[in-house]
Amino acid sequence: MKLIKEIAQMHIDAELNRAAEALKEGNDGMARVCARRASGIAITYWLQNNPREGYGESAMNQLRSIQKDETVPEEIKEAAERLTTHVKNKSDSPFSDNPIEDAKVIIEYFMNH
């Protein structure tokens, strides 16, 4: 079944809204999960017209795959790396932890590229 852009965007928006709610509630882990899912929807949409071997179907696999894809801009790869890096303690993170902004960077690229 082919994913229509408007439907994909509705699902993305729902996940980003869940991520924002989770952040408000102090649930950083859920916010990251929702941000990854939103990114995965955009990547799945893009893959319909830009098939790639080995990307898989899960958001986590897709985010890991774009980190290795030489055709993807560095900024997108870095956002994907931040979303896939396991964060046990926010203060131990090697970079700022803003999963919604990272997801938006990825989504913008894959929904419009």
PDB file of N, CA and C in Angstrom:
ATOM      1  N   MET A   1       0.843  -1.186   0.000  1.00  0.00           N
ATOM      2  CA  MET A   1       0.000   0.000   0.000  1.00  0.00           C
ATOM      3  C   MET A   1       0.887   1.247   0.000  1.00  0.00           C
ATOM      4  N   LYS A   2       0.636   2.119  -0.927  1.00  0.00           N
ATOM      5  CA  LYS A   2       1.418   3.338  -1.063  1.00  0.00           C
ATOM      6  C   LYS A   2       0.931   4.382  -0.060  1.00  0.00           C
ATOM      7  N   LEU A   3       1.889   5.006   0.599  1.00  0.00           N
ATOM      8  CA  LEU A   3       1.598   6.041   1.583  1.00  0.00           C
ATOM      9  C   LEU A   3       1.414   7.376   0.871  1.00  0.00           C
ATOM     10  N   ILE A   4       0.289   8.023   1.071  1.00  0.00           N
ATOM     11  CA  ILE A   4      -0.002   9.325   0.472  1.00  0.00           C
ATOM     12  C   ILE A   4       0.596  10.405   1.364  1.00  0.00           C
ATOM     13  N   LYS A   5       1.166  11.437   0.743  1.00  0.00           N
ATOM     14  CA  LYS A   5       1.888  12.476   1.485  1.00  0.00           C
ATOM     15  C   LYS A   5       1.037  13.101   2.590  1.00  0.00           C
ATOM     16  N   GLU A   6      -0.208  13.424   2.305  1.00  0.00           N
ATOM     17  CA  GLU A   6      -1.067  14.069   3.296  1.00  0.00           C
ATOM     18  C   GLU A   6      -1.332  13.153   4.488  1.00  0.00           C
ATOM     19  N   ILE A   7      -1.534  11.873   4.211  1.00  0.00           N
ATOM     20  CA  ILE A   7      -1.765  10.899   5.284  1.00  0.00           C
ATOM     21  C   ILE A   7      -0.488  10.722   6.105  1.00  0.00           C
ATOM     22  N   ALA A   8       0.642  10.626   5.421  1.00  0.00           N
ATOM     23  CA  ALA A   8       1.926  10.518   6.122  1.00  0.00           C
ATOM     24  C   ALA A   8       2.114  11.717   7.042  1.00  0.00           C
ATOM     25  N   GLN A   9       1.812  12.910   6.546  1.00  0.00           N
ATOM     26  CA  GLN A   9       1.994  14.126   7.343  1.00  0.00           C
ATOM     27  C   GLN A   9       1.065  14.133   8.561  1.00  0.00           C
ATOM     28  N   MET A  10      -0.141  13.621   8.410  1.00  0.00           N
ATOM     29  CA  MET A  10      -1.054  13.540   9.558  1.00  0.00           C
ATOM     30  C   MET A  10      -0.482  12.636  10.644  1.00  0.00           C
ATOM     31  N   HIS A  11       0.074  11.494  10.246  1.00  0.00           N
ATOM     32  CA  HIS A  11       0.673  10.569  11.210  1.00  0.00           C
ATOM     33  C   HIS A  11       1.922  11.178  11.852  1.00  0.00           C
ATOM     34  N   ILE A  12       2.697  11.875  11.050  1.00  0.00           N
ATOM     35  CA  ILE A  12       3.893  12.555  11.569  1.00  0.00           C
ATOM     36  C   ILE A  12       3.490  13.592  12.613  1.00  0.00           C
ATOM     37  N   ASP A  13       2.511  14.408  12.276  1.00  0.00           N
ATOM     38  CA  ASP A  13       2.059  15.446  13.210  1.00  0.00           C
ATOM     39  C   ASP A  13       1.553  14.835  14.521  1.00  0.00           C
ATOM     40  N   ALA A  14       0.832  13.733  14.425  1.00  0.00           N
ATOM     41  CA  ALA A  14       0.323  13.059  15.628  1.00  0.00           C
ATOM     42  C   ALA A  14       1.480  12.589  16.504  1.00  0.00           C
ATOM     43  N   GLU A  15       2.507  12.007  15.899  1.00  0.00           N
ATOM     44  CA  GLU A  15       3.674  11.546  16.671  1.00  0.00           C
ATOM     45  C   GLU A  15       4.435  12.720  17.286  1.00  0.00           C
ATOM     46  N   LEU A  16       4.580  13.799  16.542  1.00  0.00           N
ATOM     47  CA  LEU A  16       5.275  14.971  17.092  1.00  0.00           C
ATOM     48  C   LEU A  16       4.488  15.589  18.243  1.00  0.00           C
ATOM     49  N   ASN A  17       3.164  15.574  18.134  1.00  0.00           N
ATOM     50  CA  ASN A  17       2.331  16.068  19.238  1.00  0.00           C
ATOM     51  C   ASN A  17       2.485  15.183  20.469  1.00  0.00           C
ATOM     52  N   ARG A  18       2.529  13.859  20.260  1.00  0.00           N
ATOM     53  CA  ARG A  18       2.762  12.941  21.381  1.00  0.00           C
ATOM     54  C   ARG A  18       4.125  13.193  22.007  1.00  0.00           C
ATOM     55  N   ALA A  19       5.112  13.458  21.173  1.00  0.00           N
ATOM     56  CA  ALA A  19       6.465  13.735  21.676  1.00  0.00           C
ATOM     57  C   ALA A  19       6.472  15.000  22.529  1.00  0.00           C
ATOM     58  N   ALA A  20       5.780  16.031  22.070  1.00  0.00           N
ATOM     59  CA  ALA A  20       5.723  17.290  22.825  1.00  0.00           C
ATOM     60  C   ALA A  20       5.025  17.086  24.169  1.00  0.00           C
ATOM     61  N   GLU A  21       3.937  16.315  24.168  1.00  0.00           N
ATOM     62  CA  GLU A  21       3.230  16.019  25.415  1.00  0.00           C
ATOM     63  C   GLU A  21       4.132  15.243  26.374  1.00  0.00           C
ATOM     64  N   ALA A  22       4.853  14.289  25.843  1.00  0.00           N
ATOM     65  CA  ALA A  22       5.748  13.487  26.676  1.00  0.00           C
ATOM     66  C   ALA A  22       6.825  14.365  27.308  1.00  0.00           C
ATOM     67  N   LEU A  23       7.356  15.311  26.542  1.00  0.00           N
ATOM     68  CA  LEU A  23       8.359  16.219  27.102  1.00  0.00           C
ATOM     69  C   LEU A  23       7.767  17.060  28.223  1.00  0.00           C
ATOM     70  N   LYS A  24       6.550  17.543  28.022  1.00  0.00           N
ATOM     71  CA  LYS A  24       5.882  18.338  29.060  1.00  0.00           C
ATOM     72  C   LYS A  24       5.707  17.537  30.342  1.00  0.00           C
ATOM     73  N   GLU A  25       5.476  16.235  30.182  1.00  0.00           N
ATOM     74  CA  GLU A  25       5.275  15.357  31.338  1.00  0.00           C
ATOM     75  C   GLU A  25       6.593  14.864  31.921  1.00  0.00           C
ATOM     76  N   GLY A  26       7.709  15.267  31.323  1.00  0.00           N
ATOM     77  CA  GLY A  26       9.013  14.836  31.798  1.00  0.00           C
ATOM     78  C   GLY A  26       9.401  13.437  31.360  1.00  0.00           C
ATOM     79  N   ASN A  27       8.723  12.909  30.354  1.00  0.00           N
ATOM     80  CA  ASN A  27       8.997  11.569  29.870  1.00  0.00           C
ATOM     81  C   ASN A  27       9.862  11.661  28.606  1.00  0.00           C
ATOM     82  N   ASP A  28      11.149  11.911  28.824  1.00  0.00           N
ATOM     83  CA  ASP A  28      12.077  12.089  27.702  1.00  0.00           C
ATOM     84  C   ASP A  28      12.173  10.847  26.823  1.00  0.00           C
ATOM     85  N   GLY A  29      12.125   9.679  27.432  1.00  0.00           N
ATOM     86  CA  GLY A  29      12.216   8.438  26.661  1.00  0.00           C
ATOM     87  C   GLY A  29      11.086   8.302  25.671  1.00  0.00           C
ATOM     88  N   MET A  30       9.860   8.574  26.097  1.00  0.00           N
ATOM     89  CA  MET A  30       8.711   8.497  25.195  1.00  0.00           C
ATOM     90  C   MET A  30       8.802   9.564  24.112  1.00  0.00           C
ATOM     91  N   ALA A  31       9.300  10.730  24.459  1.00  0.00           N
ATOM     92  CA  ALA A  31       9.466  11.793  23.457  1.00  0.00           C
ATOM     93  C   ALA A  31      10.415  11.329  22.353  1.00  0.00           C
ATOM     94  N   ARG A  32      11.500  10.665  22.733  1.00  0.00           N
ATOM     95  CA  ARG A  32      12.457  10.161  21.747  1.00  0.00           C
ATOM     96  C   ARG A  32      11.823   9.072  20.881  1.00  0.00           C
ATOM     97  N   VAL A  33      11.042   8.179  21.489  1.00  0.00           N
ATOM     98  CA  VAL A  33      10.365   7.127  20.738  1.00  0.00           C
ATOM     99  C   VAL A  33       9.426   7.749  19.701  1.00  0.00           C
ATOM    100  N   CYS A  34       8.631   8.713  20.109  1.00  0.00           N
ATOM    101  CA  CYS A  34       7.687   9.364  19.195  1.00  0.00           C
ATOM    102  C   CYS A  34       8.418  10.123  18.086  1.00  0.00           C
ATOM    103  N   ALA A  35       9.520  10.776  18.428  1.00  0.00           N
ATOM    104  CA  ALA A  35      10.312  11.495  17.430  1.00  0.00           C
ATOM    105  C   ALA A  35      10.895  10.520  16.411  1.00  0.00           C
ATOM    106  N   ARG A  36      11.353   9.363  16.885  1.00  0.00           N
ATOM    107  CA  ARG A  36      11.873   8.352  15.964  1.00  0.00           C
ATOM    108  C   ARG A  36      10.760   7.822  15.059  1.00  0.00           C
ATOM    109  N   ARG A  37       9.582   7.579  15.634  1.00  0.00           N
ATOM    110  CA  ARG A  37       8.461   7.085  14.818  1.00  0.00           C
ATOM    111  C   ARG A  37       8.071   8.108  13.753  1.00  0.00           C
ATOM    112  N   ALA A  38       8.023   9.381  14.132  1.00  0.00           N
ATOM    113  CA  ALA A  38       7.688  10.433  13.165  1.00  0.00           C
ATOM    114  C   ALA A  38       8.717  10.457  12.030  1.00  0.00           C
ATOM    115  N   SER A  39       9.978  10.340  12.393  1.00  0.00           N
ATOM    116  CA  SER A  39      11.041  10.306  11.385  1.00  0.00           C
ATOM    117  C   SER A  39      10.882   9.093  10.482  1.00  0.00           C
ATOM    118  N   GLY A  40      10.562   7.959  11.079  1.00  0.00           N
ATOM    119  CA  GLY A  40      10.385   6.733  10.312  1.00  0.00           C
ATOM    120  C   GLY A  40       9.259   6.829   9.298  1.00  0.00           C
ATOM    121  N   ILE A  41       8.202   7.513   9.647  1.00  0.00           N
ATOM    122  CA  ILE A  41       7.091   7.707   8.697  1.00  0.00           C
ATOM    123  C   ILE A  41       7.578   8.495   7.486  1.00  0.00           C
ATOM    124  N   ALA A  42       8.343   9.550   7.730  1.00  0.00           N
ATOM    125  CA  ALA A  42       8.874  10.362   6.623  1.00  0.00           C
ATOM    126  C   ALA A  42       9.840   9.552   5.766  1.00  0.00           C
ATOM    127  N   ILE A  43      10.689   8.764   6.403  1.00  0.00           N
ATOM    128  CA  ILE A  43      11.642   7.947   5.654  1.00  0.00           C
ATOM    129  C   ILE A  43      10.906   6.894   4.830  1.00  0.00           C
ATOM    130  N   THR A  44       9.888   6.266   5.411  1.00  0.00           N
ATOM    131  CA  THR A  44       9.083   5.276   4.687  1.00  0.00           C
ATOM    132  C   THR A  44       8.429   5.915   3.462  1.00  0.00           C
ATOM    133  N   TYR A  45       7.900   7.119   3.642  1.00  0.00           N
ATOM    134  CA  TYR A  45       7.297   7.849   2.513  1.00  0.00           C
ATOM    135  C   TYR A  45       8.333   8.045   1.408  1.00  0.00           C
ATOM    136  N   TRP A  46       9.515   8.499   1.780  1.00  0.00           N
ATOM    137  CA  TRP A  46      10.592   8.760   0.820  1.00  0.00           C
ATOM    138  C   TRP A  46      11.039   7.480   0.118  1.00  0.00           C
ATOM    139  N   LEU A  47      11.124   6.386   0.864  1.00  0.00           N
ATOM    140  CA  LEU A  47      11.596   5.123   0.300  1.00  0.00           C
ATOM    141  C   LEU A  47      10.683   4.585  -0.800  1.00  0.00           C
ATOM    142  N   GLN A  48       9.420   4.996  -0.810  1.00  0.00           N
ATOM    143  CA  GLN A  48       8.496   4.559  -1.861  1.00  0.00           C
ATOM    144  C   GLN A  48       9.018   4.935  -3.241  1.00  0.00           C
ATOM    145  N   ASN A  49       9.629   6.105  -3.338  1.00  0.00           N
ATOM    146  CA  ASN A  49      10.118   6.595  -4.631  1.00  0.00           C
ATOM    147  C   ASN A  49      11.636   6.562  -4.734  1.00  0.00           C
ATOM    148  N   ASN A  50      12.298   6.209  -3.644  1.00  0.00           N
ATOM    149  CA  ASN A  50      13.760   6.163  -3.607  1.00  0.00           C
ATOM    150  C   ASN A  50      14.202   4.877  -2.906  1.00  0.00           C
ATOM    151  N   PRO A  51      13.902   3.728  -3.504  1.00  0.00           N
ATOM    152  CA  PRO A  51      14.186   2.463  -2.824  1.00  0.00           C
ATOM    153  C   PRO A  51      15.672   2.311  -2.492  1.00  0.00           C
ATOM    154  N   ARG A  52      15.914   1.759  -1.321  1.00  0.00           N
ATOM    155  CA  ARG A  52      17.279   1.496  -0.852  1.00  0.00           C
ATOM    156  C   ARG A  52      17.316   0.090  -0.267  1.00  0.00           C
ATOM    157  N   GLU A  53      18.376  -0.611  -0.525  1.00  0.00           N
ATOM    158  CA  GLU A  53      18.576  -1.941   0.044  1.00  0.00           C
ATOM    159  C   GLU A  53      18.931  -1.820   1.519  1.00  0.00           C
ATOM    160  N   GLY A  54      18.345  -2.683   2.324  1.00  0.00           N
ATOM    161  CA  GLY A  54      18.755  -2.795   3.715  1.00  0.00           C
ATOM    162  C   GLY A  54      18.231  -1.749   4.674  1.00  0.00           C
ATOM    163  N   TYR A  55      17.354  -0.871   4.230  1.00  0.00           N
ATOM    164  CA  TYR A  55      16.834   0.152   5.144  1.00  0.00           C
ATOM    165  C   TYR A  55      15.886  -0.431   6.183  1.00  0.00           C
ATOM    166  N   GLY A  56      15.244  -1.527   5.847  1.00  0.00           N
ATOM    167  CA  GLY A  56      14.314  -2.145   6.779  1.00  0.00           C
ATOM    168  C   GLY A  56      13.024  -1.356   6.908  1.00  0.00           C
ATOM    169  N   GLU A  57      12.172  -1.832   7.808  1.00  0.00           N
ATOM    170  CA  GLU A  57      10.874  -1.192   7.980  1.00  0.00           C
ATOM    171  C   GLU A  57      10.734  -0.453   9.298  1.00  0.00           C
ATOM    172  N   SER A  58      11.566  -0.791  10.278  1.00  0.00           N
ATOM    173  CA  SER A  58      11.428  -0.098  11.563  1.00  0.00           C
ATOM    174  C   SER A  58      12.123   1.260  11.509  1.00  0.00           C
ATOM    175  N   ALA A  59      11.588   2.200  12.267  1.00  0.00           N
ATOM    176  CA  ALA A  59      12.164   3.544  12.304  1.00  0.00           C
ATOM    177  C   ALA A  59      13.624   3.492  12.753  1.00  0.00           C
ATOM    178  N   MET A  60      13.924   2.679  13.746  1.00  0.00           N
ATOM    179  CA  MET A  60      15.290   2.600  14.252  1.00  0.00           C
ATOM    180  C   MET A  60      16.249   2.099  13.169  1.00  0.00           C
ATOM    181  N   ASN A  61      15.860   1.063  12.441  1.00  0.00           N
ATOM    182  CA  ASN A  61      16.711   0.568  11.345  1.00  0.00           C
ATOM    183  C   ASN A  61      16.877   1.616  10.254  1.00  0.00           C
ATOM    184  N   GLN A  62      15.800   2.312   9.941  1.00  0.00           N
ATOM    185  CA  GLN A  62      15.871   3.340   8.910  1.00  0.00           C
ATOM    186  C   GLN A  62      16.797   4.477   9.345  1.00  0.00           C
ATOM    187  N   LEU A  63      16.688   4.896  10.590  1.00  0.00           N
ATOM    188  CA  LEU A  63      17.554   5.969  11.089  1.00  0.00           C
ATOM    189  C   LEU A  63      19.020   5.539  11.087  1.00  0.00           C
ATOM    190  N   ARG A  64      19.278   4.304  11.418  1.00  0.00           N
ATOM    191  CA  ARG A  64      20.660   3.802  11.373  1.00  0.00           C
ATOM    192  C   ARG A  64      21.154   3.721   9.929  1.00  0.00           C
ATOM    193  N   SER A  65      20.264   3.338   9.022  1.00  0.00           N
ATOM    194  CA  SER A  65      20.650   3.210   7.615  1.00  0.00           C
ATOM    195  C   SER A  65      20.988   4.556   6.994  1.00  0.00           C
ATOM    196  N   ILE A  66      20.237   5.595   7.321  1.00  0.00           N
ATOM    197  CA  ILE A  66      20.548   6.890   6.706  1.00  0.00           C
ATOM    198  C   ILE A  66      21.881   7.437   7.194  1.00  0.00           C
ATOM    199  N   GLN A  67      22.313   7.008   8.372  1.00  0.00           N
ATOM    200  CA  GLN A  67      23.617   7.441   8.867  1.00  0.00           C
ATOM    201  C   GLN A  67      24.751   6.928   7.983  1.00  0.00           C
ATOM    202  N   LYS A  68      24.503   5.818   7.279  1.00  0.00           N
ATOM    203  CA  LYS A  68      25.516   5.201   6.420  1.00  0.00           C
ATOM    204  C   LYS A  68      25.340   5.556   4.945  1.00  0.00           C
ATOM    205  N   ASP A  69      24.230   6.177   4.603  1.00  0.00           N
ATOM    206  CA  ASP A  69      23.901   6.466   3.206  1.00  0.00           C
ATOM    207  C   ASP A  69      24.675   7.703   2.746  1.00  0.00           C
ATOM    208  N   GLU A  70      25.560   7.497   1.787  1.00  0.00           N
ATOM    209  CA  GLU A  70      26.417   8.586   1.294  1.00  0.00           C
ATOM    210  C   GLU A  70      25.638   9.677   0.558  1.00  0.00           C
ATOM    211  N   THR A  71      24.396   9.394   0.151  1.00  0.00           N
ATOM    212  CA  THR A  71      23.607  10.394  -0.566  1.00  0.00           C
ATOM    213  C   THR A  71      22.853  11.338   0.367  1.00  0.00           C
ATOM    214  N   VAL A  72      22.877  11.031   1.659  1.00  0.00           N
ATOM    215  CA  VAL A  72      22.145  11.841   2.639  1.00  0.00           C
ATOM    216  C   VAL A  72      23.074  12.907   3.221  1.00  0.00           C
ATOM    217  N   PRO A  73      22.622  14.160   3.285  1.00  0.00           N
ATOM    218  CA  PRO A  73      23.459  15.238   3.831  1.00  0.00           C
ATOM    219  C   PRO A  73      23.885  14.980   5.276  1.00  0.00           C
ATOM    220  N   GLU A  74      25.037  15.493   5.628  1.00  0.00           N
ATOM    221  CA  GLU A  74      25.620  15.283   6.949  1.00  0.00           C
ATOM    222  C   GLU A  74      24.691  15.745   8.073  1.00  0.00           C
ATOM    223  N   GLU A  75      24.031  16.863   7.895  1.00  0.00           N
ATOM    224  CA  GLU A  75      23.113  17.398   8.912  1.00  0.00           C
ATOM    225  C   GLU A  75      22.010  16.388   9.262  1.00  0.00           C
ATOM    226  N   ILE A  76      21.520  15.689   8.252  1.00  0.00           N
ATOM    227  CA  ILE A  76      20.467  14.694   8.442  1.00  0.00           C
ATOM    228  C   ILE A  76      21.038  13.470   9.163  1.00  0.00           C
ATOM    229  N   LYS A  77      22.235  13.055   8.757  1.00  0.00           N
ATOM    230  CA  LYS A  77      22.897  11.926   9.406  1.00  0.00           C
ATOM    231  C   LYS A  77      23.138  12.205  10.888  1.00  0.00           C
ATOM    232  N   GLU A  78      23.562  13.422  11.191  1.00  0.00           N
ATOM    233  CA  GLU A  78      23.829  13.790  12.586  1.00  0.00           C
ATOM    234  C   GLU A  78      22.556  13.772  13.425  1.00  0.00           C
ATOM    235  N   ALA A  79      21.454  14.264  12.859  1.00  0.00           N
ATOM    236  CA  ALA A  79      20.174  14.237  13.578  1.00  0.00           C
ATOM    237  C   ALA A  79      19.752  12.788  13.822  1.00  0.00           C
ATOM    238  N   ALA A  80      19.951  11.937  12.832  1.00  0.00           N
ATOM    239  CA  ALA A  80      19.615  10.519  12.980  1.00  0.00           C
ATOM    240  C   ALA A  80      20.486   9.872  14.058  1.00  0.00           C
ATOM    241  N   GLU A  81      21.743  10.230  14.094  1.00  0.00           N
ATOM    242  CA  GLU A  81      22.638   9.681  15.119  1.00  0.00           C
ATOM    243  C   GLU A  81      22.167  10.081  16.518  1.00  0.00           C
ATOM    244  N   ARG A  82      21.783  11.345  16.671  1.00  0.00           N
ATOM    245  CA  ARG A  82      21.307  11.793  17.978  1.00  0.00           C
ATOM    246  C   ARG A  82      20.044  11.043  18.395  1.00  0.00           C
ATOM    247  N   LEU A  83      19.150  10.789  17.445  1.00  0.00           N
ATOM    248  CA  LEU A  83      17.906  10.080  17.773  1.00  0.00           C
ATOM    249  C   LEU A  83      18.136   8.609  18.100  1.00  0.00           C
ATOM    250  N   THR A  84      19.185   8.021  17.556  1.00  0.00           N
ATOM    251  CA  THR A  84      19.423   6.594  17.791  1.00  0.00           C
ATOM    252  C   THR A  84      20.391   6.328  18.938  1.00  0.00           C
ATOM    253  N   THR A  85      21.047   7.360  19.424  1.00  0.00           N
ATOM    254  CA  THR A  85      21.978   7.175  20.535  1.00  0.00           C
ATOM    255  C   THR A  85      21.204   6.966  21.820  1.00  0.00           C
ATOM    256  N   HIS A  86      21.549   5.907  22.531  1.00  0.00           N
ATOM    257  CA  HIS A  86      20.886   5.604  23.806  1.00  0.00           C
ATOM    258  C   HIS A  86      21.349   6.615  24.857  1.00  0.00           C
ATOM    259  N   VAL A  87      20.402   7.256  25.511  1.00  0.00           N
ATOM    260  CA  VAL A  87      20.713   8.250  26.533  1.00  0.00           C
ATOM    261  C   VAL A  87      20.213   7.733  27.873  1.00  0.00           C
ATOM    262  N   LYS A  88      21.150   7.377  28.741  1.00  0.00           N
ATOM    263  CA  LYS A  88      20.768   6.911  30.076  1.00  0.00           C
ATOM    264  C   LYS A  88      20.492   8.094  30.987  1.00  0.00           C
ATOM    265  N   ASN A  89      21.335   9.091  30.902  1.00  0.00           N
ATOM    266  CA  ASN A  89      21.223  10.269  31.756  1.00  0.00           C
ATOM    267  C   ASN A  89      21.428  11.486  30.872  1.00  0.00           C
ATOM    268  N   LYS A  90      20.469  12.383  30.859  1.00  0.00           N
ATOM    269  CA  LYS A  90      20.518  13.543  29.986  1.00  0.00           C
ATOM    270  C   LYS A  90      21.827  14.322  30.123  1.00  0.00           C
ATOM    271  N   SER A  91      22.344  14.429  31.329  1.00  0.00           N
ATOM    272  CA  SER A  91      23.568  15.203  31.537  1.00  0.00           C
ATOM    273  C   SER A  91      24.795  14.487  30.980  1.00  0.00           C
ATOM    274  N   ASP A  92      24.686  13.175  30.722  1.00  0.00           N
ATOM    275  CA  ASP A  92      25.806  12.423  30.160  1.00  0.00           C
ATOM    276  C   ASP A  92      25.822  12.450  28.632  1.00  0.00           C
ATOM    277  N   SER A  93      24.783  12.997  28.027  1.00  0.00           N
ATOM    278  CA  SER A  93      24.680  12.997  26.575  1.00  0.00           C
ATOM    279  C   SER A  93      25.813  13.818  25.959  1.00  0.00           C
ATOM    280  N   PRO A  94      26.448  13.295  24.888  1.00  0.00           N
ATOM    281  CA  PRO A  94      27.548  14.016  24.261  1.00  0.00           C
ATOM    282  C   PRO A  94      27.096  15.214  23.426  1.00  0.00           C
ATOM    283  N   PHE A  95      25.791  15.406  23.285  1.00  0.00           N
ATOM    284  CA  PHE A  95      25.263  16.532  22.524  1.00  0.00           C
ATOM    285  C   PHE A  95      23.900  16.897  23.077  1.00  0.00           C
ATOM    286  N   SER A  96      23.381  18.039  22.652  1.00  0.00           N
ATOM    287  CA  SER A  96      22.079  18.461  23.171  1.00  0.00           C
ATOM    288  C   SER A  96      21.022  17.442  22.772  1.00  0.00           C
ATOM    289  N   ASP A  97      20.065  17.268  23.636  1.00  0.00           N
ATOM    290  CA  ASP A  97      19.038  16.265  23.415  1.00  0.00           C
ATOM    291  C   ASP A  97      17.721  16.965  23.114  1.00  0.00           C
ATOM    292  N   ASN A  98      17.447  17.179  21.834  1.00  0.00           N
ATOM    293  CA  ASN A  98      16.208  17.798  21.411  1.00  0.00           C
ATOM    294  C   ASN A  98      15.590  16.915  20.330  1.00  0.00           C
ATOM    295  N   PRO A  99      14.949  15.817  20.740  1.00  0.00           N
ATOM    296  CA  PRO A  99      14.479  14.840  19.757  1.00  0.00           C
ATOM    297  C   PRO A  99      13.457  15.395  18.770  1.00  0.00           C
ATOM    298  N   ILE A 100      12.629  16.326  19.209  1.00  0.00           N
ATOM    299  CA  ILE A 100      11.621  16.874  18.294  1.00  0.00           C
ATOM    300  C   ILE A 100      12.283  17.684  17.187  1.00  0.00           C
ATOM    301  N   GLU A 101      13.249  18.498  17.538  1.00  0.00           N
ATOM    302  CA  GLU A 101      13.949  19.285  16.514  1.00  0.00           C
ATOM    303  C   GLU A 101      14.730  18.388  15.569  1.00  0.00           C
ATOM    304  N   ASP A 102      15.377  17.361  16.114  1.00  0.00           N
ATOM    305  CA  ASP A 102      16.086  16.412  15.249  1.00  0.00           C
ATOM    306  C   ASP A 102      15.114  15.737  14.294  1.00  0.00           C
ATOM    307  N   ALA A 103      13.962  15.321  14.794  1.00  0.00           N
ATOM    308  CA  ALA A 103      12.957  14.690  13.938  1.00  0.00           C
ATOM    309  C   ALA A 103      12.490  15.652  12.855  1.00  0.00           C
ATOM    310  N   LYS A 104      12.282  16.900  13.200  1.00  0.00           N
ATOM    311  CA  LYS A 104      11.817  17.885  12.208  1.00  0.00           C
ATOM    312  C   LYS A 104      12.822  18.069  11.082  1.00  0.00           C
ATOM    313  N   VAL A 105      14.113  18.043  11.400  1.00  0.00           N
ATOM    314  CA  VAL A 105      15.151  18.159  10.374  1.00  0.00           C
ATOM    315  C   VAL A 105      15.065  16.974   9.410  1.00  0.00           C
ATOM    316  N   ILE A 106      14.929  15.793   9.974  1.00  0.00           N
ATOM    317  CA  ILE A 106      14.836  14.574   9.170  1.00  0.00           C
ATOM    318  C   ILE A 106      13.550  14.569   8.344  1.00  0.00           C
ATOM    319  N   ILE A 107      12.452  14.908   8.978  1.00  0.00           N
ATOM    320  CA  ILE A 107      11.147  14.915   8.303  1.00  0.00           C
ATOM    321  C   ILE A 107      11.139  15.900   7.145  1.00  0.00           C
ATOM    322  N   GLU A 108      11.622  17.099   7.376  1.00  0.00           N
ATOM    323  CA  GLU A 108      11.661  18.128   6.316  1.00  0.00           C
ATOM    324  C   GLU A 108      12.423  17.603   5.100  1.00  0.00           C
ATOM    325  N   TYR A 109      13.549  16.996   5.345  1.00  0.00           N
ATOM    326  CA  TYR A 109      14.365  16.481   4.240  1.00  0.00           C
ATOM    327  C   TYR A 109      13.630  15.374   3.483  1.00  0.00           C
ATOM    328  N   PHE A 110      13.154  14.372   4.198  1.00  0.00           N
ATOM    329  CA  PHE A 110      12.591  13.206   3.515  1.00  0.00           C
ATOM    330  C   PHE A 110      11.195  13.432   2.952  1.00  0.00           C
ATOM    331  N   MET A 111      10.444  14.344   3.491  1.00  0.00           N
ATOM    332  CA  MET A 111       9.110  14.619   2.931  1.00  0.00           C
ATOM    333  C   MET A 111       9.197  15.514   1.697  1.00  0.00           C
ATOM    334  N   ASN A 112      10.297  16.225   1.532  1.00  0.00           N
ATOM    335  CA  ASN A 112      10.393  17.197   0.423  1.00  0.00           C
ATOM    336  C   ASN A 112      11.548  16.929  -0.521  1.00  0.00           C
ATOM    337  N   HIS A 113      12.183  15.789  -0.405  1.00  0.00           N
ATOM    338  CA  HIS A 113      13.360  15.515  -1.235  1.00  0.00           C
ATOM    339  C   HIS A 113      13.023  14.488  -2.300  1.00  0.00           C
TER     340      HIS A 113
END
